Amino acid sequence: MHRPPSAVSLRTEPYGSSGPQWVVDQAEAELVTRYGGLDDGELGLAAAMFDPPSGAFLVVRVDGEPAPVGGVGVRTVAQGVGEVRRLWVDDPWRGHGIGRALMTGLEDEARSLGLSALILATGDRQPEAVALYESSGWERPHVDAAGARLPPGYIRFSKVIA
């Protein structure tokens, strides 16, 4: 049985530390399971992308649990625009509001970094992520930044947070 919400903490941690690295490893393993691998756009994440002033990485920890139960990062990709990367929640903790809390915390953190809009990409094999974004006020364009139709299975979202 899971602990009550009072035992849950959400905080930023340096990307190179053990918490964010655990989250990224778990998120990437799940992406490989769902999609069969990582494409070039999924490789090469580095601390410089997710540490202030360029970004932030939030981690959820539960008292008594040795590893984080979730996390998400944001990195600046253009003036005032941040990209959300590696939202992940441990399977037993899904459906308890942790993903939503991470995204709310991430929006607050992004504002503190001077960002006014966020973008993210996901895929059709992550329906729980799609449902979270759709229920949290994210817009879903069906074209890429250049106006071309998105490839099958590829899903984009954007949100103004200013």
N, C-alpha and C. Protein backbone atom coordinates (compact mmCIF):
# COMPACT_ATOMS: atom_id res chain seq x y z
N MET A 1 0.84 -1.18 0.00
CA MET A 1 0.00 0.00 0.00
C MET A 1 0.88 1.24 0.00
N HIS A 2 0.47 2.26 -0.78
CA HIS A 2 1.25 3.49 -0.87
C HIS A 2 1.03 4.36 0.35
N ARG A 3 2.02 5.19 0.62
CA ARG A 3 1.95 6.11 1.74
C ARG A 3 1.01 7.27 1.42
N PRO A 4 0.52 7.99 2.43
CA PRO A 4 -0.34 9.14 2.18
C PRO A 4 0.43 10.24 1.46
N PRO A 5 -0.28 11.16 0.78
CA PRO A 5 0.39 12.21 0.03
C PRO A 5 1.36 13.05 0.86
N SER A 6 1.17 13.17 2.17
CA SER A 6 2.08 13.97 2.98
C SER A 6 3.49 13.40 2.99
N ALA A 7 3.65 12.15 2.61
CA ALA A 7 4.97 11.52 2.59
C ALA A 7 5.68 11.72 1.25
N VAL A 8 5.06 12.48 0.35
CA VAL A 8 5.60 12.69 -0.99
C VAL A 8 6.22 14.09 -1.07
N SER A 9 7.45 14.19 -1.62
CA SER A 9 8.07 15.49 -1.81
C SER A 9 8.49 15.65 -3.26
N LEU A 10 8.36 16.87 -3.76
CA LEU A 10 8.75 17.22 -5.12
C LEU A 10 9.77 18.34 -5.00
N ARG A 11 10.93 18.16 -5.64
CA ARG A 11 11.95 19.20 -5.58
C ARG A 11 12.87 19.11 -6.81
N THR A 12 13.55 20.21 -7.09
CA THR A 12 14.54 20.19 -8.16
C THR A 12 15.80 19.55 -7.63
N GLU A 13 16.47 18.82 -8.51
CA GLU A 13 17.75 18.21 -8.18
C GLU A 13 18.68 18.40 -9.37
N PRO A 14 19.98 18.57 -9.14
CA PRO A 14 20.91 18.70 -10.27
C PRO A 14 20.82 17.49 -11.19
N TYR A 15 20.79 17.75 -12.49
CA TYR A 15 20.60 16.67 -13.46
C TYR A 15 21.64 15.56 -13.33
N GLY A 16 22.86 15.91 -13.00
CA GLY A 16 23.91 14.90 -12.91
C GLY A 16 23.87 14.07 -11.64
N SER A 17 22.96 14.38 -10.72
CA SER A 17 22.89 13.63 -9.46
C SER A 17 22.09 12.34 -9.64
N SER A 18 22.10 11.51 -8.61
CA SER A 18 21.53 10.17 -8.73
C SER A 18 20.02 10.16 -8.99
N GLY A 19 19.26 11.09 -8.42
CA GLY A 19 17.80 11.09 -8.61
C GLY A 19 17.39 11.27 -10.06
N PRO A 20 17.79 12.38 -10.69
CA PRO A 20 17.45 12.56 -12.10
C PRO A 20 18.00 11.45 -13.00
N GLN A 21 19.21 10.99 -12.71
CA GLN A 21 19.77 9.93 -13.54
C GLN A 21 18.95 8.64 -13.43
N TRP A 22 18.46 8.33 -12.24
CA TRP A 22 17.58 7.17 -12.04
C TRP A 22 16.31 7.33 -12.88
N VAL A 23 15.70 8.51 -12.79
CA VAL A 23 14.46 8.77 -13.53
C VAL A 23 14.70 8.63 -15.03
N VAL A 24 15.76 9.25 -15.54
CA VAL A 24 16.06 9.19 -16.97
C VAL A 24 16.31 7.75 -17.40
N ASP A 25 17.06 7.00 -16.62
CA ASP A 25 17.31 5.59 -16.96
C ASP A 25 16.01 4.80 -17.04
N GLN A 26 15.11 5.02 -16.08
CA GLN A 26 13.83 4.31 -16.08
C GLN A 26 12.96 4.75 -17.25
N ALA A 27 12.92 6.06 -17.51
CA ALA A 27 12.12 6.58 -18.62
C ALA A 27 12.62 6.02 -19.95
N GLU A 28 13.94 6.01 -20.12
CA GLU A 28 14.49 5.50 -21.38
C GLU A 28 14.26 4.00 -21.53
N ALA A 29 14.36 3.26 -20.45
CA ALA A 29 14.08 1.82 -20.52
C ALA A 29 12.62 1.59 -20.93
N GLU A 30 11.73 2.40 -20.40
CA GLU A 30 10.32 2.25 -20.77
C GLU A 30 10.09 2.63 -22.23
N LEU A 31 10.77 3.67 -22.71
CA LEU A 31 10.65 4.05 -24.13
C LEU A 31 11.14 2.91 -25.03
N VAL A 32 12.24 2.29 -24.65
CA VAL A 32 12.76 1.16 -25.44
C VAL A 32 11.75 0.01 -25.45
N THR A 33 11.14 -0.26 -24.30
CA THR A 33 10.12 -1.32 -24.23
C THR A 33 8.92 -1.00 -25.11
N ARG A 34 8.46 0.23 -25.06
CA ARG A 34 7.25 0.62 -25.81
C ARG A 34 7.50 0.80 -27.30
N TYR A 35 8.67 1.32 -27.67
CA TYR A 35 8.92 1.68 -29.06
C TYR A 35 10.02 0.85 -29.73
N GLY A 36 10.75 0.05 -28.98
CA GLY A 36 11.79 -0.78 -29.56
C GLY A 36 13.15 -0.13 -29.60
N GLY A 37 13.28 1.10 -29.16
CA GLY A 37 14.56 1.80 -29.15
C GLY A 37 14.36 3.28 -28.98
N LEU A 38 15.48 4.00 -28.98
CA LEU A 38 15.46 5.45 -28.89
C LEU A 38 15.95 6.01 -30.21
N ASP A 39 15.24 7.03 -30.74
CA ASP A 39 15.72 7.65 -31.98
C ASP A 39 16.78 8.70 -31.63
N ASP A 40 17.41 9.26 -32.65
CA ASP A 40 18.50 10.20 -32.43
C ASP A 40 18.08 11.38 -31.57
N GLY A 41 16.84 11.83 -31.68
CA GLY A 41 16.35 12.95 -30.89
C GLY A 41 16.22 12.64 -29.42
N GLU A 42 16.26 11.36 -29.06
CA GLU A 42 16.13 10.95 -27.66
C GLU A 42 17.48 10.75 -26.98
N LEU A 43 18.55 10.84 -27.71
CA LEU A 43 19.88 10.58 -27.17
C LEU A 43 20.61 11.88 -26.84
N GLY A 44 21.60 11.80 -26.00
CA GLY A 44 22.49 12.93 -25.77
C GLY A 44 22.02 13.97 -24.77
N LEU A 45 21.15 13.60 -23.84
CA LEU A 45 20.75 14.55 -22.80
C LEU A 45 21.94 14.79 -21.88
N ALA A 46 22.15 16.06 -21.49
CA ALA A 46 23.31 16.41 -20.67
C ALA A 46 22.92 17.39 -19.58
N ALA A 47 23.73 17.43 -18.54
CA ALA A 47 23.45 18.30 -17.39
C ALA A 47 23.31 19.76 -17.81
N ALA A 48 24.11 20.21 -18.75
CA ALA A 48 24.05 21.61 -19.16
C ALA A 48 22.66 21.98 -19.69
N MET A 49 21.90 21.01 -20.18
CA MET A 49 20.56 21.27 -20.70
C MET A 49 19.54 21.46 -19.58
N PHE A 50 19.75 20.82 -18.45
CA PHE A 50 18.73 20.74 -17.40
C PHE A 50 19.10 21.42 -16.10
N ASP A 51 20.25 22.05 -16.04
CA ASP A 51 20.61 22.77 -14.84
C ASP A 51 20.45 24.26 -15.09
N PRO A 52 20.06 25.03 -14.06
CA PRO A 52 19.89 26.48 -14.22
C PRO A 52 21.17 27.10 -14.76
N PRO A 53 21.08 28.12 -15.55
CA PRO A 53 19.87 28.86 -15.91
C PRO A 53 19.15 28.33 -17.15
N SER A 54 19.65 27.21 -17.72
CA SER A 54 19.07 26.69 -18.96
C SER A 54 17.88 25.78 -18.75
N GLY A 55 17.76 25.21 -17.55
CA GLY A 55 16.68 24.26 -17.33
C GLY A 55 16.60 23.83 -15.89
N ALA A 56 15.81 22.79 -15.68
CA ALA A 56 15.62 22.24 -14.33
C ALA A 56 15.13 20.81 -14.45
N PHE A 57 15.39 20.03 -13.42
CA PHE A 57 14.88 18.66 -13.36
C PHE A 57 14.22 18.47 -12.00
N LEU A 58 12.95 18.09 -12.01
CA LEU A 58 12.19 17.86 -10.78
C LEU A 58 12.08 16.38 -10.52
N VAL A 59 12.18 16.03 -9.24
CA VAL A 59 12.13 14.63 -8.82
C VAL A 59 11.10 14.50 -7.70
N VAL A 60 10.32 13.43 -7.75
CA VAL A 60 9.39 13.10 -6.67
C VAL A 60 9.98 11.95 -5.88
N ARG A 61 10.04 12.17 -4.57
CA ARG A 61 10.52 11.13 -3.66
C ARG A 61 9.44 10.85 -2.63
N VAL A 62 9.41 9.62 -2.16
CA VAL A 62 8.47 9.19 -1.14
C VAL A 62 9.27 8.72 0.06
N ASP A 63 8.90 9.20 1.25
CA ASP A 63 9.59 8.78 2.46
C ASP A 63 9.67 7.26 2.52
N GLY A 64 10.84 6.75 2.79
CA GLY A 64 11.04 5.31 2.94
C GLY A 64 11.37 4.59 1.64
N GLU A 65 11.27 5.27 0.50
CA GLU A 65 11.61 4.65 -0.79
C GLU A 65 13.03 5.06 -1.15
N PRO A 66 13.90 4.12 -1.51
CA PRO A 66 15.29 4.47 -1.81
C PRO A 66 15.47 5.25 -3.11
N ALA A 67 14.62 5.00 -4.08
CA ALA A 67 14.75 5.66 -5.38
C ALA A 67 13.55 6.58 -5.61
N PRO A 68 13.73 7.58 -6.49
CA PRO A 68 12.60 8.44 -6.82
C PRO A 68 11.45 7.63 -7.42
N VAL A 69 10.23 8.16 -7.29
CA VAL A 69 9.08 7.50 -7.91
C VAL A 69 8.62 8.26 -9.14
N GLY A 70 9.30 9.35 -9.48
CA GLY A 70 8.96 10.08 -10.69
C GLY A 70 9.87 11.27 -10.89
N GLY A 71 9.77 11.85 -12.08
CA GLY A 71 10.55 13.04 -12.38
C GLY A 71 10.24 13.57 -13.76
N VAL A 72 10.73 14.77 -14.02
CA VAL A 72 10.56 15.41 -15.33
C VAL A 72 11.57 16.55 -15.44
N GLY A 73 12.01 16.82 -16.66
CA GLY A 73 12.94 17.91 -16.89
C GLY A 73 12.40 18.91 -17.89
N VAL A 74 12.96 20.12 -17.84
CA VAL A 74 12.68 21.15 -18.85
C VAL A 74 14.00 21.78 -19.22
N ARG A 75 14.15 22.05 -20.52
CA ARG A 75 15.36 22.72 -21.00
C ARG A 75 14.96 23.82 -21.97
N THR A 76 15.70 24.89 -21.95
CA THR A 76 15.43 26.00 -22.85
C THR A 76 15.86 25.61 -24.26
N VAL A 77 14.96 25.81 -25.23
CA VAL A 77 15.28 25.48 -26.62
C VAL A 77 15.23 26.70 -27.54
N ALA A 78 14.62 27.77 -27.09
CA ALA A 78 14.56 29.04 -27.83
C ALA A 78 14.22 30.13 -26.82
N GLN A 79 14.34 31.38 -27.23
CA GLN A 79 14.03 32.49 -26.32
C GLN A 79 12.62 32.32 -25.76
N GLY A 80 12.52 32.11 -24.46
CA GLY A 80 11.22 32.00 -23.79
C GLY A 80 10.51 30.67 -23.95
N VAL A 81 11.14 29.71 -24.62
CA VAL A 81 10.50 28.42 -24.89
C VAL A 81 11.31 27.29 -24.26
N GLY A 82 10.61 26.44 -23.52
CA GLY A 82 11.24 25.28 -22.91
C GLY A 82 10.66 23.99 -23.46
N GLU A 83 11.48 22.96 -23.47
CA GLU A 83 11.05 21.64 -23.92
C GLU A 83 11.02 20.70 -22.73
N VAL A 84 9.89 20.02 -22.56
CA VAL A 84 9.71 19.05 -21.48
C VAL A 84 10.30 17.72 -21.94
N ARG A 85 11.10 17.12 -21.06
CA ARG A 85 11.74 15.85 -21.39
C ARG A 85 11.65 14.89 -20.22
N ARG A 86 11.45 13.64 -20.52
CA ARG A 86 11.56 12.50 -19.61
C ARG A 86 10.58 12.51 -18.44
N LEU A 87 9.33 12.87 -18.71
CA LEU A 87 8.32 12.69 -17.67
C LEU A 87 8.18 11.19 -17.44
N TRP A 88 8.34 10.79 -16.21
CA TRP A 88 8.22 9.37 -15.87
C TRP A 88 7.71 9.25 -14.44
N VAL A 89 6.80 8.31 -14.24
CA VAL A 89 6.30 7.95 -12.92
C VAL A 89 6.36 6.44 -12.81
N ASP A 90 6.88 5.95 -11.70
CA ASP A 90 6.98 4.52 -11.46
C ASP A 90 5.58 3.90 -11.53
N ASP A 91 5.47 2.78 -12.21
CA ASP A 91 4.17 2.17 -12.49
C ASP A 91 3.25 2.04 -11.27
N PRO A 92 3.73 1.57 -10.11
CA PRO A 92 2.82 1.45 -8.97
C PRO A 92 2.28 2.79 -8.47
N TRP A 93 2.93 3.89 -8.83
CA TRP A 93 2.53 5.21 -8.38
C TRP A 93 1.68 5.96 -9.40
N ARG A 94 1.48 5.37 -10.56
CA ARG A 94 0.65 6.01 -11.58
C ARG A 94 -0.81 6.02 -11.12
N GLY A 95 -1.51 7.08 -11.49
CA GLY A 95 -2.91 7.21 -11.12
C GLY A 95 -3.11 7.83 -9.75
N HIS A 96 -2.03 8.34 -9.14
CA HIS A 96 -2.11 8.95 -7.81
C HIS A 96 -1.80 10.45 -7.85
N GLY A 97 -1.79 11.05 -9.05
CA GLY A 97 -1.59 12.48 -9.16
C GLY A 97 -0.14 12.93 -9.23
N ILE A 98 0.79 11.99 -9.26
CA ILE A 98 2.20 12.38 -9.28
C ILE A 98 2.59 13.01 -10.61
N GLY A 99 2.15 12.46 -11.72
CA GLY A 99 2.45 13.06 -13.02
C GLY A 99 1.90 14.47 -13.12
N ARG A 100 0.69 14.66 -12.65
CA ARG A 100 0.06 15.99 -12.68
C ARG A 100 0.84 16.96 -11.78
N ALA A 101 1.24 16.50 -10.59
CA ALA A 101 2.03 17.35 -9.69
C ALA A 101 3.38 17.71 -10.31
N LEU A 102 3.99 16.75 -10.99
CA LEU A 102 5.26 17.03 -11.67
C LEU A 102 5.08 18.10 -12.74
N MET A 103 4.03 17.99 -13.54
CA MET A 103 3.82 18.95 -14.61
C MET A 103 3.47 20.34 -14.06
N THR A 104 2.70 20.40 -12.99
CA THR A 104 2.41 21.69 -12.36
C THR A 104 3.68 22.32 -11.80
N GLY A 105 4.47 21.51 -11.11
CA GLY A 105 5.74 22.00 -10.57
C GLY A 105 6.69 22.43 -11.67
N LEU A 106 6.69 21.68 -12.77
CA LEU A 106 7.56 22.02 -13.89
C LEU A 106 7.16 23.35 -14.51
N GLU A 107 5.87 23.60 -14.65
CA GLU A 107 5.42 24.89 -15.19
C GLU A 107 5.88 26.03 -14.29
N ASP A 108 5.76 25.87 -12.98
CA ASP A 108 6.22 26.90 -12.04
C ASP A 108 7.73 27.11 -12.18
N GLU A 109 8.47 26.02 -12.26
CA GLU A 109 9.92 26.11 -12.40
C GLU A 109 10.29 26.78 -13.73
N ALA A 110 9.58 26.44 -14.79
CA ALA A 110 9.84 27.04 -16.11
C ALA A 110 9.62 28.56 -16.07
N ARG A 111 8.56 28.98 -15.41
CA ARG A 111 8.32 30.42 -15.27
C ARG A 111 9.48 31.09 -14.54
N SER A 112 9.99 30.44 -13.50
CA SER A 112 11.11 31.03 -12.74
C SER A 112 12.38 31.12 -13.60
N LEU A 113 12.46 30.31 -14.65
CA LEU A 113 13.59 30.36 -15.58
C LEU A 113 13.37 31.39 -16.68
N GLY A 114 12.22 32.07 -16.65
CA GLY A 114 11.91 33.07 -17.66
C GLY A 114 11.24 32.52 -18.90
N LEU A 115 10.76 31.30 -18.83
CA LEU A 115 10.09 30.70 -19.99
C LEU A 115 8.61 31.07 -19.97
N SER A 116 8.05 31.27 -21.15
CA SER A 116 6.64 31.63 -21.25
C SER A 116 5.82 30.61 -22.03
N ALA A 117 6.50 29.64 -22.62
CA ALA A 117 5.81 28.58 -23.37
C ALA A 117 6.60 27.30 -23.25
N LEU A 118 5.88 26.19 -23.32
CA LEU A 118 6.50 24.87 -23.25
C LEU A 118 6.06 24.03 -24.43
N ILE A 119 6.93 23.15 -24.87
CA ILE A 119 6.61 22.19 -25.92
C ILE A 119 7.05 20.82 -25.44
N LEU A 120 6.46 19.79 -26.03
CA LEU A 120 6.90 18.43 -25.75
C LEU A 120 6.45 17.52 -26.88
N ALA A 121 7.07 16.38 -26.94
CA ALA A 121 6.70 15.35 -27.91
C ALA A 121 6.51 14.04 -27.17
N THR A 122 5.56 13.28 -27.64
CA THR A 122 5.31 11.95 -27.10
C THR A 122 4.89 11.07 -28.27
N GLY A 123 4.39 9.90 -27.97
CA GLY A 123 3.98 9.00 -29.03
C GLY A 123 2.68 8.30 -28.70
N ASP A 124 2.15 7.63 -29.70
CA ASP A 124 0.85 6.97 -29.54
C ASP A 124 0.91 5.74 -28.63
N ARG A 125 2.10 5.33 -28.25
CA ARG A 125 2.23 4.19 -27.32
C ARG A 125 2.35 4.65 -25.87
N GLN A 126 2.02 5.91 -25.63
CA GLN A 126 2.02 6.47 -24.28
C GLN A 126 0.66 7.14 -24.02
N PRO A 127 -0.41 6.38 -24.06
CA PRO A 127 -1.75 6.98 -23.94
C PRO A 127 -1.99 7.68 -22.61
N GLU A 128 -1.36 7.21 -21.53
CA GLU A 128 -1.56 7.88 -20.24
C GLU A 128 -0.92 9.26 -20.24
N ALA A 129 0.20 9.42 -20.92
CA ALA A 129 0.83 10.74 -21.03
C ALA A 129 -0.04 11.67 -21.87
N VAL A 130 -0.55 11.16 -22.99
CA VAL A 130 -1.43 11.96 -23.85
C VAL A 130 -2.65 12.42 -23.05
N ALA A 131 -3.24 11.53 -22.28
CA ALA A 131 -4.43 11.88 -21.48
C ALA A 131 -4.07 12.96 -20.45
N LEU A 132 -2.91 12.86 -19.83
CA LEU A 132 -2.49 13.86 -18.85
C LEU A 132 -2.36 15.23 -19.51
N TYR A 133 -1.67 15.30 -20.64
CA TYR A 133 -1.47 16.58 -21.30
C TYR A 133 -2.79 17.17 -21.77
N GLU A 134 -3.64 16.35 -22.35
CA GLU A 134 -4.94 16.83 -22.84
C GLU A 134 -5.81 17.35 -21.70
N SER A 135 -5.73 16.72 -20.54
CA SER A 135 -6.55 17.15 -19.41
C SER A 135 -5.92 18.30 -18.61
N SER A 136 -4.71 18.72 -19.01
CA SER A 136 -4.01 19.78 -18.29
C SER A 136 -3.87 21.06 -19.10
N GLY A 137 -4.66 21.20 -20.14
CA GLY A 137 -4.66 22.44 -20.91
C GLY A 137 -3.60 22.57 -21.98
N TRP A 138 -2.96 21.47 -22.35
CA TRP A 138 -1.98 21.51 -23.43
C TRP A 138 -2.69 21.48 -24.77
N GLU A 139 -2.18 22.22 -25.74
CA GLU A 139 -2.69 22.24 -27.11
C GLU A 139 -1.98 21.14 -27.91
N ARG A 140 -2.70 20.53 -28.83
CA ARG A 140 -2.11 19.45 -29.62
C ARG A 140 -2.12 19.82 -31.10
N PRO A 141 -1.04 20.43 -31.59
CA PRO A 141 -0.95 20.70 -33.03
C PRO A 141 -0.72 19.40 -33.78
N HIS A 142 -1.26 19.31 -34.97
CA HIS A 142 -1.09 18.09 -35.77
C HIS A 142 -0.05 18.28 -36.87
N VAL A 143 0.71 19.36 -36.75
CA VAL A 143 1.79 19.65 -37.70
C VAL A 143 3.04 20.01 -36.92
N ASP A 144 4.18 19.93 -37.57
CA ASP A 144 5.43 20.31 -36.91
C ASP A 144 5.62 21.82 -36.98
N ALA A 145 6.75 22.31 -36.47
CA ALA A 145 7.01 23.75 -36.42
C ALA A 145 7.03 24.38 -37.81
N ALA A 146 7.34 23.60 -38.84
CA ALA A 146 7.38 24.11 -40.21
C ALA A 146 6.03 23.96 -40.92
N GLY A 147 5.04 23.38 -40.23
CA GLY A 147 3.72 23.23 -40.83
C GLY A 147 3.49 21.90 -41.54
N ALA A 148 4.47 21.01 -41.51
CA ALA A 148 4.31 19.70 -42.16
C ALA A 148 3.56 18.75 -41.22
N ARG A 149 2.78 17.85 -41.82
CA ARG A 149 2.06 16.86 -41.01
C ARG A 149 3.06 16.01 -40.24
N LEU A 150 2.67 15.66 -39.03
CA LEU A 150 3.52 14.83 -38.19
C LEU A 150 3.53 13.39 -38.69
N PRO A 151 4.64 12.69 -38.50
CA PRO A 151 4.69 11.28 -38.88
C PRO A 151 3.70 10.46 -38.06
N PRO A 152 3.25 9.32 -38.57
CA PRO A 152 2.34 8.47 -37.80
C PRO A 152 2.93 8.11 -36.44
N GLY A 153 2.11 8.18 -35.41
CA GLY A 153 2.53 7.81 -34.07
C GLY A 153 3.20 8.92 -33.28
N TYR A 154 3.56 10.02 -33.94
CA TYR A 154 4.27 11.12 -33.30
C TYR A 154 3.24 12.17 -32.85
N ILE A 155 3.31 12.58 -31.59
CA ILE A 155 2.35 13.52 -31.03
C ILE A 155 3.10 14.68 -30.40
N ARG A 156 2.68 15.90 -30.73
CA ARG A 156 3.27 17.11 -30.15
C ARG A 156 2.25 17.81 -29.27
N PHE A 157 2.75 18.53 -28.28
CA PHE A 157 1.91 19.36 -27.44
C PHE A 157 2.64 20.67 -27.17
N SER A 158 1.87 21.73 -26.92
CA SER A 158 2.44 23.02 -26.53
C SER A 158 1.51 23.67 -25.51
N LYS A 159 2.11 24.57 -24.72
CA LYS A 159 1.31 25.26 -23.70
C LYS A 159 1.96 26.61 -23.40
N VAL A 160 1.13 27.65 -23.41
CA VAL A 160 1.59 28.97 -22.98
C VAL A 160 1.44 29.01 -21.46
N ILE A 161 2.51 29.39 -20.76
CA ILE A 161 2.49 29.37 -19.29
C ILE A 161 2.67 30.75 -18.68
N ALA A 162 2.82 31.77 -19.51
CA ALA A 162 3.05 33.14 -19.00
C ALA A 162 1.80 33.69 -18.35
